[in-house]
């Protein structure tokens, strides 16, 4: 039995898109919030320096800490990405599992 790769590809992409929708949006929102927060912190650092409340050394230290916080939070998104991708691939393969296994003659996709 020959597999229709175009049809199978379309079905996989459709299923992956449906599954990914909420996960990608949540990750994009988290990243956007973090970058906006970083921009606000930078503005506050500059303002505090301009008002004489921070030295250059302290301003640089605050920026370093703010950057670290954003990097750590965005690194956490990699865990969310990995979980989302696992779910997407699993769901996408489930949509073609029966036809692939039938064509292969054994349980290739479990």
PDB file of N, CA and C in Angstrom:
ATOM      1  N   UNK A   1       0.845  -1.190   0.000  1.00  0.00           N
ATOM      2  CA  UNK A   1       0.000   0.000   0.000  1.00  0.00           C
ATOM      3  C   UNK A   1       0.882   1.242   0.000  1.00  0.00           C
ATOM      4  N   UNK A   2       0.704   2.090  -0.976  1.00  0.00           N
ATOM      5  CA  UNK A   2       1.473   3.330  -1.068  1.00  0.00           C
ATOM      6  C   UNK A   2       0.814   4.412  -0.214  1.00  0.00           C
ATOM      7  N   UNK A   3       1.639   5.193   0.407  1.00  0.00           N
ATOM      8  CA  UNK A   3       1.136   6.297   1.211  1.00  0.00           C
ATOM      9  C   UNK A   3       1.084   7.567   0.375  1.00  0.00           C
ATOM     10  N   UNK A   4       0.051   8.373   0.584  1.00  0.00           N
ATOM     11  CA  UNK A   4      -0.088   9.668  -0.082  1.00  0.00           C
ATOM     12  C   UNK A   4       0.623  10.694   0.793  1.00  0.00           C
ATOM     13  N   UNK A   5       1.870  10.978   0.440  1.00  0.00           N
ATOM     14  CA  UNK A   5       2.687  11.857   1.266  1.00  0.00           C
ATOM     15  C   UNK A   5       2.143  13.281   1.337  1.00  0.00           C
ATOM     16  N   UNK A   6       1.575  13.768   0.254  1.00  0.00           N
ATOM     17  CA  UNK A   6       1.023  15.129   0.269  1.00  0.00           C
ATOM     18  C   UNK A   6      -0.147  15.222   1.231  1.00  0.00           C
ATOM     19  N   UNK A   7      -1.051  14.252   1.165  1.00  0.00           N
ATOM     20  CA  UNK A   7      -2.197  14.244   2.070  1.00  0.00           C
ATOM     21  C   UNK A   7      -1.736  14.065   3.515  1.00  0.00           C
ATOM     22  N   UNK A   8      -0.811  13.142   3.732  1.00  0.00           N
ATOM     23  CA  UNK A   8      -0.315  12.883   5.078  1.00  0.00           C
ATOM     24  C   UNK A   8       0.370  14.142   5.624  1.00  0.00           C
ATOM     25  N   UNK A   9       1.173  14.807   4.810  1.00  0.00           N
ATOM     26  CA  UNK A   9       1.837  16.036   5.241  1.00  0.00           C
ATOM     27  C   UNK A   9       0.846  17.122   5.605  1.00  0.00           C
ATOM     28  N   UNK A  10      -0.187  17.279   4.797  1.00  0.00           N
ATOM     29  CA  UNK A  10      -1.217  18.282   5.073  1.00  0.00           C
ATOM     30  C   UNK A  10      -1.931  17.995   6.382  1.00  0.00           C
ATOM     31  N   UNK A  11      -2.247  16.727   6.604  1.00  0.00           N
ATOM     32  CA  UNK A  11      -2.935  16.347   7.849  1.00  0.00           C
ATOM     33  C   UNK A  11      -2.049  16.579   9.062  1.00  0.00           C
ATOM     34  N   UNK A  12      -0.770  16.244   8.938  1.00  0.00           N
ATOM     35  CA  UNK A  12       0.170  16.442  10.051  1.00  0.00           C
ATOM     36  C   UNK A  12       0.288  17.932  10.377  1.00  0.00           C
ATOM     37  N   UNK A  13       0.452  18.759   9.344  1.00  0.00           N
ATOM     38  CA  UNK A  13       0.588  20.202   9.558  1.00  0.00           C
ATOM     39  C   UNK A  13      -0.673  20.782  10.179  1.00  0.00           C
ATOM     40  N   UNK A  14      -1.814  20.363   9.705  1.00  0.00           N
ATOM     41  CA  UNK A  14      -3.084  20.844  10.256  1.00  0.00           C
ATOM     42  C   UNK A  14      -3.213  20.498  11.738  1.00  0.00           C
ATOM     43  N   UNK A  15      -2.898  19.258  12.067  1.00  0.00           N
ATOM     44  CA  UNK A  15      -2.989  18.812  13.456  1.00  0.00           C
ATOM     45  C   UNK A  15      -1.974  19.561  14.320  1.00  0.00           C
ATOM     46  N   UNK A  16      -0.761  19.714  13.846  1.00  0.00           N
ATOM     47  CA  UNK A  16       0.287  20.410  14.606  1.00  0.00           C
ATOM     48  C   UNK A  16      -0.109  21.862  14.858  1.00  0.00           C
ATOM     49  N   UNK A  17      -0.685  22.496  13.859  1.00  0.00           N
ATOM     50  CA  UNK A  17      -1.117  23.889  14.002  1.00  0.00           C
ATOM     51  C   UNK A  17      -2.187  24.023  15.072  1.00  0.00           C
ATOM     52  N   UNK A  18      -3.139  23.096  15.079  1.00  0.00           N
ATOM     53  CA  UNK A  18      -4.200  23.132  16.085  1.00  0.00           C
ATOM     54  C   UNK A  18      -3.636  22.943  17.486  1.00  0.00           C
ATOM     55  N   UNK A  19      -2.727  22.006  17.642  1.00  0.00           N
ATOM     56  CA  UNK A  19      -2.151  21.719  18.956  1.00  0.00           C
ATOM     57  C   UNK A  19      -1.265  22.878  19.416  1.00  0.00           C
ATOM     58  N   UNK A  20      -0.490  23.452  18.515  1.00  0.00           N
ATOM     59  CA  UNK A  20       0.492  24.485  18.868  1.00  0.00           C
ATOM     60  C   UNK A  20      -0.143  25.817  19.238  1.00  0.00           C
ATOM     61  N   UNK A  21      -1.309  26.093  18.738  1.00  0.00           N
ATOM     62  CA  UNK A  21      -1.928  27.406  18.911  1.00  0.00           C
ATOM     63  C   UNK A  21      -1.772  28.025  20.281  1.00  0.00           C
ATOM     64  N   UNK A  22      -2.280  27.396  21.304  1.00  0.00           N
ATOM     65  CA  UNK A  22      -2.245  27.956  22.648  1.00  0.00           C
ATOM     66  C   UNK A  22      -0.851  28.000  23.249  1.00  0.00           C
ATOM     67  N   UNK A  23      -0.065  26.977  22.999  1.00  0.00           N
ATOM     68  CA  UNK A  23       1.282  26.922  23.567  1.00  0.00           C
ATOM     69  C   UNK A  23       2.156  28.034  23.033  1.00  0.00           C
ATOM     70  N   UNK A  24       2.145  28.228  21.716  1.00  0.00           N
ATOM     71  CA  UNK A  24       2.985  29.271  21.130  1.00  0.00           C
ATOM     72  C   UNK A  24       2.554  30.635  21.615  1.00  0.00           C
ATOM     73  N   UNK A  25       1.261  30.839  21.730  1.00  0.00           N
ATOM     74  CA  UNK A  25       0.758  32.138  22.184  1.00  0.00           C
ATOM     75  C   UNK A  25       1.213  32.409  23.613  1.00  0.00           C
ATOM     76  N   UNK A  26       1.162  31.404  24.472  1.00  0.00           N
ATOM     77  CA  UNK A  26       1.589  31.580  25.862  1.00  0.00           C
ATOM     78  C   UNK A  26       3.071  31.923  25.943  1.00  0.00           C
ATOM     79  N   UNK A  27       3.888  31.267  25.129  1.00  0.00           N
ATOM     80  CA  UNK A  27       5.322  31.543  25.141  1.00  0.00           C
ATOM     81  C   UNK A  27       5.617  32.941  24.605  1.00  0.00           C
ATOM     82  N   UNK A  28       4.945  33.327  23.537  1.00  0.00           N
ATOM     83  CA  UNK A  28       5.148  34.658  22.973  1.00  0.00           C
ATOM     84  C   UNK A  28       4.736  35.732  23.973  1.00  0.00           C
ATOM     85  N   UNK A  29       3.639  35.497  24.677  1.00  0.00           N
ATOM     86  CA  UNK A  29       3.182  36.446  25.689  1.00  0.00           C
ATOM     87  C   UNK A  29       4.202  36.574  26.810  1.00  0.00           C
ATOM     88  N   UNK A  30       4.718  35.456  27.285  1.00  0.00           N
ATOM     89  CA  UNK A  30       5.716  35.482  28.356  1.00  0.00           C
ATOM     90  C   UNK A  30       6.963  36.242  27.921  1.00  0.00           C
ATOM     91  N   UNK A  31       7.433  36.000  26.720  1.00  0.00           N
ATOM     92  CA  UNK A  31       8.620  36.696  26.220  1.00  0.00           C
ATOM     93  C   UNK A  31       8.359  38.193  26.090  1.00  0.00           C
ATOM     94  N   UNK A  32       7.196  38.557  25.574  1.00  0.00           N
ATOM     95  CA  UNK A  32       6.847  39.967  25.412  1.00  0.00           C
ATOM     96  C   UNK A  32       6.795  40.673  26.760  1.00  0.00           C
ATOM     97  N   UNK A  33       6.193  40.045  27.740  1.00  0.00           N
ATOM     98  CA  UNK A  33       6.125  40.632  29.084  1.00  0.00           C
ATOM     99  C   UNK A  33       7.530  40.849  29.633  1.00  0.00           C
ATOM    100  N   UNK A  34       8.400  39.883  29.458  1.00  0.00           N
ATOM    101  CA  UNK A  34       9.765  40.005  29.962  1.00  0.00           C
ATOM    102  C   UNK A  34      10.523  41.134  29.277  1.00  0.00           C
ATOM    103  N   UNK A  35      10.392  41.254  27.964  1.00  0.00           N
ATOM    104  CA  UNK A  35      11.097  42.323  27.251  1.00  0.00           C
ATOM    105  C   UNK A  35      10.542  43.700  27.606  1.00  0.00           C
ATOM    106  N   UNK A  36       9.242  43.779  27.794  1.00  0.00           N
ATOM    107  CA  UNK A  36       8.660  45.057  28.226  1.00  0.00           C
ATOM    108  C   UNK A  36       9.149  45.409  29.633  1.00  0.00           C
ATOM    109  N   UNK A  37       9.194  44.405  30.482  1.00  0.00           N
ATOM    110  CA  UNK A  37       9.706  44.624  31.839  1.00  0.00           C
ATOM    111  C   UNK A  37      11.154  45.081  31.828  1.00  0.00           C
ATOM    112  N   UNK A  38      11.964  44.494  30.941  1.00  0.00           N
ATOM    113  CA  UNK A  38      13.361  44.898  30.818  1.00  0.00           C
ATOM    114  C   UNK A  38      13.447  46.353  30.370  1.00  0.00           C
ATOM    115  N   UNK A  39      12.638  46.728  29.411  1.00  0.00           N
ATOM    116  CA  UNK A  39      12.630  48.116  28.935  1.00  0.00           C
ATOM    117  C   UNK A  39      12.263  49.067  30.071  1.00  0.00           C
ATOM    118  N   UNK A  40      11.274  48.702  30.866  1.00  0.00           N
ATOM    119  CA  UNK A  40      10.874  49.535  32.009  1.00  0.00           C
ATOM    120  C   UNK A  40      12.003  49.636  33.027  1.00  0.00           C
ATOM    121  N   UNK A  41      12.663  48.518  33.307  1.00  0.00           N
ATOM    122  CA  UNK A  41      13.767  48.542  34.270  1.00  0.00           C
ATOM    123  C   UNK A  41      14.917  49.406  33.763  1.00  0.00           C
ATOM    124  N   UNK A  42      15.217  49.323  32.479  1.00  0.00           N
ATOM    125  CA  UNK A  42      16.270  50.156  31.911  1.00  0.00           C
ATOM    126  C   UNK A  42      15.906  51.627  32.057  1.00  0.00           C
ATOM    127  N   UNK A  43      14.665  51.966  31.745  1.00  0.00           N
ATOM    128  CA  UNK A  43      14.224  53.358  31.874  1.00  0.00           C
ATOM    129  C   UNK A  43      14.358  53.832  33.321  1.00  0.00           C
ATOM    130  N   UNK A  44      14.002  52.984  34.269  1.00  0.00           N
ATOM    131  CA  UNK A  44      14.120  53.355  35.689  1.00  0.00           C
ATOM    132  C   UNK A  44      15.584  53.517  36.111  1.00  0.00           C
ATOM    133  N   UNK A  45      16.440  52.659  35.587  1.00  0.00           N
ATOM    134  CA  UNK A  45      17.868  52.755  35.895  1.00  0.00           C
ATOM    135  C   UNK A  45      18.423  54.074  35.377  1.00  0.00           C
ATOM    136  N   UNK A  46      18.100  54.412  34.132  1.00  0.00           N
ATOM    137  CA  UNK A  46      18.576  55.661  33.539  1.00  0.00           C
ATOM    138  C   UNK A  46      18.041  56.858  34.320  1.00  0.00           C
ATOM    139  N   UNK A  47      16.772  56.812  34.682  1.00  0.00           N
ATOM    140  CA  UNK A  47      16.153  57.900  35.450  1.00  0.00           C
ATOM    141  C   UNK A  47      16.828  58.053  36.819  1.00  0.00           C
ATOM    142  N   UNK A  48      17.053  56.931  37.485  1.00  0.00           N
ATOM    143  CA  UNK A  48      17.703  56.977  38.800  1.00  0.00           C
ATOM    144  C   UNK A  48      19.123  57.533  38.687  1.00  0.00           C
ATOM    145  N   UNK A  49      19.830  57.160  37.630  1.00  0.00           N
ATOM    146  CA  UNK A  49      21.176  57.696  37.420  1.00  0.00           C
ATOM    147  C   UNK A  49      21.102  59.204  37.168  1.00  0.00           C
ATOM    148  N   UNK A  50      20.178  59.620  36.312  1.00  0.00           N
ATOM    149  CA  UNK A  50      20.028  61.035  35.979  1.00  0.00           C
ATOM    150  C   UNK A  50      19.671  61.866  37.211  1.00  0.00           C
ATOM    151  N   UNK A  51      18.930  61.276  38.139  1.00  0.00           N
ATOM    152  CA  UNK A  51      18.530  61.970  39.367  1.00  0.00           C
ATOM    153  C   UNK A  51      19.594  61.883  40.458  1.00  0.00           C
ATOM    154  N   UNK A  52      20.694  61.227  40.153  1.00  0.00           N
ATOM    155  CA  UNK A  52      21.760  61.103  41.139  1.00  0.00           C
ATOM    156  C   UNK A  52      21.503  60.039  42.192  1.00  0.00           C
ATOM    157  N   UNK A  53      20.516  59.184  41.971  1.00  0.00           N
ATOM    158  CA  UNK A  53      20.178  58.129  42.928  1.00  0.00           C
ATOM    159  C   UNK A  53      21.050  56.893  42.761  1.00  0.00           C
ATOM    160  N   UNK A  54      21.659  56.744  41.599  1.00  0.00           N
ATOM    161  CA  UNK A  54      22.540  55.607  41.318  1.00  0.00           C
ATOM    162  C   UNK A  54      23.846  56.113  40.719  1.00  0.00           C
ATOM    163  N   UNK A  55      24.922  55.456  41.077  1.00  0.00           N
ATOM    164  CA  UNK A  55      26.202  55.715  40.418  1.00  0.00           C
ATOM    165  C   UNK A  55      26.237  54.918  39.121  1.00  0.00           C
ATOM    166  N   UNK A  56      27.240  55.181  38.280  1.00  0.00           N
ATOM    167  CA  UNK A  56      27.385  54.389  37.063  1.00  0.00           C
ATOM    168  C   UNK A  56      27.611  52.925  37.396  1.00  0.00           C
ATOM    169  N   UNK A  57      28.391  52.677  38.422  1.00  0.00           N
ATOM    170  CA  UNK A  57      28.680  51.296  38.827  1.00  0.00           C
ATOM    171  C   UNK A  57      27.390  50.583  39.236  1.00  0.00           C
ATOM    172  N   UNK A  58      26.582  51.238  40.066  1.00  0.00           N
ATOM    173  CA  UNK A  58      25.318  50.621  40.514  1.00  0.00           C
ATOM    174  C   UNK A  58      24.340  50.474  39.340  1.00  0.00           C
ATOM    175  N   UNK A  59      24.319  51.463  38.447  1.00  0.00           N
ATOM    176  CA  UNK A  59      23.423  51.382  37.286  1.00  0.00           C
ATOM    177  C   UNK A  59      23.797  50.176  36.425  1.00  0.00           C
ATOM    178  N   UNK A  60      25.093  49.984  36.209  1.00  0.00           N
ATOM    179  CA  UNK A  60      25.543  48.831  35.426  1.00  0.00           C
ATOM    180  C   UNK A  60      25.223  47.520  36.130  1.00  0.00           C
ATOM    181  N   UNK A  61      25.351  47.507  37.451  1.00  0.00           N
ATOM    182  CA  UNK A  61      25.022  46.296  38.215  1.00  0.00           C
ATOM    183  C   UNK A  61      23.526  45.988  38.125  1.00  0.00           C
ATOM    184  N   UNK A  62      22.710  47.023  38.205  1.00  0.00           N
ATOM    185  CA  UNK A  62      21.253  46.818  38.075  1.00  0.00           C
ATOM    186  C   UNK A  62      20.909  46.291  36.682  1.00  0.00           C
ATOM    187  N   UNK A  63      21.562  46.841  35.653  1.00  0.00           N
ATOM    188  CA  UNK A  63      21.304  46.365  34.294  1.00  0.00           C
ATOM    189  C   UNK A  63      21.724  44.909  34.150  1.00  0.00           C
ATOM    190  N   UNK A  64      22.882  44.562  34.706  1.00  0.00           N
ATOM    191  CA  UNK A  64      23.356  43.175  34.636  1.00  0.00           C
ATOM    192  C   UNK A  64      22.339  42.236  35.292  1.00  0.00           C
ATOM    193  N   UNK A  65      21.820  42.613  36.450  1.00  0.00           N
ATOM    194  CA  UNK A  65      20.818  41.792  37.146  1.00  0.00           C
ATOM    195  C   UNK A  65      19.516  41.706  36.353  1.00  0.00           C
ATOM    196  N   UNK A  66      19.103  42.807  35.762  1.00  0.00           N
ATOM    197  CA  UNK A  66      17.869  42.811  34.966  1.00  0.00           C
ATOM    198  C   UNK A  66      18.017  41.891  33.749  1.00  0.00           C
ATOM    199  N   UNK A  67      19.175  41.978  33.089  1.00  0.00           N
ATOM    200  CA  UNK A  67      19.430  41.104  31.939  1.00  0.00           C
ATOM    201  C   UNK A  67      19.418  39.642  32.365  1.00  0.00           C
ATOM    202  N   UNK A  68      20.071  39.343  33.486  1.00  0.00           N
ATOM    203  CA  UNK A  68      20.111  37.970  33.973  1.00  0.00           C
ATOM    204  C   UNK A  68      18.698  37.446  34.234  1.00  0.00           C
ATOM    205  N   UNK A  69      17.867  38.281  34.837  1.00  0.00           N
ATOM    206  CA  UNK A  69      16.480  37.873  35.126  1.00  0.00           C
ATOM    207  C   UNK A  69      15.741  37.519  33.833  1.00  0.00           C
ATOM    208  N   UNK A  70      15.882  38.349  32.820  1.00  0.00           N
ATOM    209  CA  UNK A  70      15.199  38.097  31.540  1.00  0.00           C
ATOM    210  C   UNK A  70      15.748  36.834  30.885  1.00  0.00           C
ATOM    211  N   UNK A  71      17.058  36.688  30.897  1.00  0.00           N
ATOM    212  CA  UNK A  71      17.667  35.488  30.299  1.00  0.00           C
ATOM    213  C   UNK A  71      17.181  34.233  31.015  1.00  0.00           C
ATOM    214  N   UNK A  72      17.143  34.275  32.347  1.00  0.00           N
ATOM    215  CA  UNK A  72      16.685  33.110  33.118  1.00  0.00           C
ATOM    216  C   UNK A  72      15.225  32.790  32.808  1.00  0.00           C
ATOM    217  N   UNK A  73      14.412  33.814  32.721  1.00  0.00           N
ATOM    218  CA  UNK A  73      12.989  33.591  32.432  1.00  0.00           C
ATOM    219  C   UNK A  73      12.797  33.055  31.022  1.00  0.00           C
ATOM    220  N   UNK A  74      13.509  33.615  30.055  1.00  0.00           N
ATOM    221  CA  UNK A  74      13.384  33.131  28.680  1.00  0.00           C
ATOM    222  C   UNK A  74      13.955  31.723  28.533  1.00  0.00           C
ATOM    223  N   UNK A  75      14.979  31.404  29.320  1.00  0.00           N
ATOM    224  CA  UNK A  75      15.505  30.038  29.303  1.00  0.00           C
ATOM    225  C   UNK A  75      14.432  29.062  29.781  1.00  0.00           C
ATOM    226  N   UNK A  76      13.624  29.502  30.724  1.00  0.00           N
ATOM    227  CA  UNK A  76      12.513  28.665  31.196  1.00  0.00           C
ATOM    228  C   UNK A  76      11.550  28.360  30.053  1.00  0.00           C
ATOM    229  N   UNK A  77      11.462  29.280  29.106  1.00  0.00           N
ATOM    230  CA  UNK A  77      10.583  29.052  27.958  1.00  0.00           C
ATOM    231  C   UNK A  77      11.053  27.881  27.113  1.00  0.00           C
ATOM    232  N   UNK A  78      12.345  27.553  27.172  1.00  0.00           N
ATOM    233  CA  UNK A  78      12.824  26.400  26.405  1.00  0.00           C
ATOM    234  C   UNK A  78      12.178  25.120  26.909  1.00  0.00           C
ATOM    235  N   UNK A  79      11.934  25.069  28.218  1.00  0.00           N
ATOM    236  CA  UNK A  79      11.241  23.906  28.788  1.00  0.00           C
ATOM    237  C   UNK A  79       9.809  23.869  28.257  1.00  0.00           C
ATOM    238  N   UNK A  80       9.170  25.039  28.230  1.00  0.00           N
ATOM    239  CA  UNK A  80       7.811  25.108  27.690  1.00  0.00           C
ATOM    240  C   UNK A  80       7.813  24.728  26.208  1.00  0.00           C
ATOM    241  N   UNK A  81       8.830  25.176  25.481  1.00  0.00           N
ATOM    242  CA  UNK A  81       8.932  24.862  24.059  1.00  0.00           C
ATOM    243  C   UNK A  81       9.085  23.370  23.844  1.00  0.00           C
ATOM    244  N   UNK A  82       9.972  22.757  24.611  1.00  0.00           N
ATOM    245  CA  UNK A  82      10.190  21.321  24.473  1.00  0.00           C
ATOM    246  C   UNK A  82       8.908  20.540  24.751  1.00  0.00           C
ATOM    247  N   UNK A  83       8.191  20.913  25.805  1.00  0.00           N
ATOM    248  CA  UNK A  83       6.939  20.221  26.134  1.00  0.00           C
ATOM    249  C   UNK A  83       5.903  20.428  25.025  1.00  0.00           C
ATOM    250  N   UNK A  84       5.826  21.641  24.508  1.00  0.00           N
ATOM    251  CA  UNK A  84       4.866  21.925  23.432  1.00  0.00           C
ATOM    252  C   UNK A  84       5.220  21.144  22.175  1.00  0.00           C
ATOM    253  N   UNK A  85       6.502  21.113  21.844  1.00  0.00           N
ATOM    254  CA  UNK A  85       6.914  20.390  20.634  1.00  0.00           C
ATOM    255  C   UNK A  85       6.663  18.896  20.755  1.00  0.00           C
ATOM    256  N   UNK A  86       6.908  18.356  21.917  1.00  0.00           N
ATOM    257  CA  UNK A  86       6.635  16.923  22.138  1.00  0.00           C
ATOM    258  C   UNK A  86       5.148  16.644  21.905  1.00  0.00           C
ATOM    259  N   UNK A  87       4.311  17.496  22.459  1.00  0.00           N
ATOM    260  CA  UNK A  87       2.863  17.344  22.311  1.00  0.00           C
ATOM    261  C   UNK A  87       2.450  17.503  20.839  1.00  0.00           C
ATOM    262  N   UNK A  88       3.047  18.468  20.158  1.00  0.00           N
ATOM    263  CA  UNK A  88       2.725  18.718  18.752  1.00  0.00           C
ATOM    264  C   UNK A  88       3.104  17.526  17.889  1.00  0.00           C
ATOM    265  N   UNK A  89       4.331  17.027  18.049  1.00  0.00           N
ATOM    266  CA  UNK A  89       4.793  15.905  17.226  1.00  0.00           C
ATOM    267  C   UNK A  89       3.976  14.652  17.521  1.00  0.00           C
ATOM    268  N   UNK A  90       3.721  14.381  18.789  1.00  0.00           N
ATOM    269  CA  UNK A  90       2.931  13.207  19.167  1.00  0.00           C
ATOM    270  C   UNK A  90       1.532  13.274  18.552  1.00  0.00           C
ATOM    271  N   UNK A  91       0.900  14.439  18.655  1.00  0.00           N
ATOM    272  CA  UNK A  91      -0.440  14.603  18.092  1.00  0.00           C
ATOM    273  C   UNK A  91      -0.450  14.529  16.576  1.00  0.00           C
ATOM    274  N   UNK A  92       0.575  15.109  15.963  1.00  0.00           N
ATOM    275  CA  UNK A  92       0.651  15.093  14.500  1.00  0.00           C
ATOM    276  C   UNK A  92       0.852  13.681  13.982  1.00  0.00           C
ATOM    277  N   UNK A  93       1.691  12.904  14.646  1.00  0.00           N
ATOM    278  CA  UNK A  93       1.901  11.523  14.202  1.00  0.00           C
ATOM    279  C   UNK A  93       0.688  10.644  14.479  1.00  0.00           C
ATOM    280  N   UNK A  94      -0.056  10.965  15.523  1.00  0.00           N
ATOM    281  CA  UNK A  94      -1.256  10.178  15.833  1.00  0.00           C
ATOM    282  C   UNK A  94      -2.273  10.246  14.701  1.00  0.00           C
ATOM    283  N   UNK A  95      -2.295  11.366  13.997  1.00  0.00           N
ATOM    284  CA  UNK A  95      -3.275  11.559  12.936  1.00  0.00           C
ATOM    285  C   UNK A  95      -3.004  10.629  11.746  1.00  0.00           C
ATOM    286  N   UNK A  96      -1.745  10.181  11.574  1.00  0.00           N
ATOM    287  CA  UNK A  96      -1.407   9.310  10.443  1.00  0.00           C
ATOM    288  C   UNK A  96      -0.970   7.920  10.894  1.00  0.00           C
ATOM    289  N   UNK A  97      -1.013   7.667  12.170  1.00  0.00           N
ATOM    290  CA  UNK A  97      -0.528   6.409  12.748  1.00  0.00           C
ATOM    291  C   UNK A  97      -1.119   5.177  12.073  1.00  0.00           C
ATOM    292  N   UNK A  98      -2.413   5.147  11.973  1.00  0.00           N
ATOM    293  CA  UNK A  98      -3.090   3.958  11.431  1.00  0.00           C
ATOM    294  C   UNK A  98      -2.664   3.679   9.985  1.00  0.00           C
ATOM    295  N   UNK A  99      -2.673   4.714   9.149  1.00  0.00           N
ATOM    296  CA  UNK A  99      -2.331   4.490   7.739  1.00  0.00           C
ATOM    297  C   UNK A  99      -0.852   4.151   7.576  1.00  0.00           C
ATOM    298  N   UNK A 100       0.024   4.752   8.378  1.00  0.00           N
ATOM    299  CA  UNK A 100       1.460   4.447   8.292  1.00  0.00           C
ATOM    300  C   UNK A 100       1.711   3.017   8.743  1.00  0.00           C
ATOM    301  N   UNK A 101       1.146   2.634   9.871  1.00  0.00           N
ATOM    302  CA  UNK A 101       1.350   1.278  10.374  1.00  0.00           C
ATOM    303  C   UNK A 101       0.798   0.232   9.408  1.00  0.00           C
ATOM    304  N   UNK A 102      -0.334   0.530   8.797  1.00  0.00           N
ATOM    305  CA  UNK A 102      -0.923  -0.395   7.832  1.00  0.00           C
ATOM    306  C   UNK A 102      -0.007  -0.522   6.616  1.00  0.00           C
ATOM    307  N   UNK A 103       0.507   0.594   6.119  1.00  0.00           N
ATOM    308  CA  UNK A 103       1.390   0.562   4.946  1.00  0.00           C
ATOM    309  C   UNK A 103       2.712  -0.122   5.265  1.00  0.00           C
ATOM    310  N   UNK A 104       3.222   0.088   6.481  1.00  0.00           N
ATOM    311  CA  UNK A 104       4.504  -0.513   6.873  1.00  0.00           C
ATOM    312  C   UNK A 104       4.356  -2.006   7.127  1.00  0.00           C
ATOM    313  N   UNK A 105       3.178  -2.447   7.537  1.00  0.00           N
ATOM    314  CA  UNK A 105       2.946  -3.838   7.839  1.00  0.00           C
ATOM    315  C   UNK A 105       3.363  -4.205   9.267  1.00  0.00           C
ATOM    316  N   UNK A 106       3.699  -3.194  10.056  1.00  0.00           N
ATOM    317  CA  UNK A 106       4.020  -3.402  11.475  1.00  0.00           C
ATOM    318  C   UNK A 106       3.804  -2.072  12.202  1.00  0.00           C
ATOM    319  N   UNK A 107       3.836  -2.131  13.509  1.00  0.00           N
ATOM    320  CA  UNK A 107       3.568  -0.925  14.321  1.00  0.00           C
ATOM    321  C   UNK A 107       4.809  -0.027  14.367  1.00  0.00           C
ATOM    322  N   UNK A 108       5.035   0.734  13.295  1.00  0.00           N
ATOM    323  CA  UNK A 108       6.163   1.665  13.249  1.00  0.00           C
ATOM    324  C   UNK A 108       5.894   2.848  14.180  1.00  0.00           C
ATOM    325  N   UNK A 109       4.683   3.362  14.106  1.00  0.00           N
ATOM    326  CA  UNK A 109       4.279   4.476  14.995  1.00  0.00           C
ATOM    327  C   UNK A 109       3.484   3.879  16.153  1.00  0.00           C
ATOM    328  N   UNK A 110       3.965   4.127  17.345  1.00  0.00           N
ATOM    329  CA  UNK A 110       3.285   3.587  18.529  1.00  0.00           C
ATOM    330  C   UNK A 110       2.432   4.620  19.185  1.00  0.00           C
TER     331      UNK A 110
END
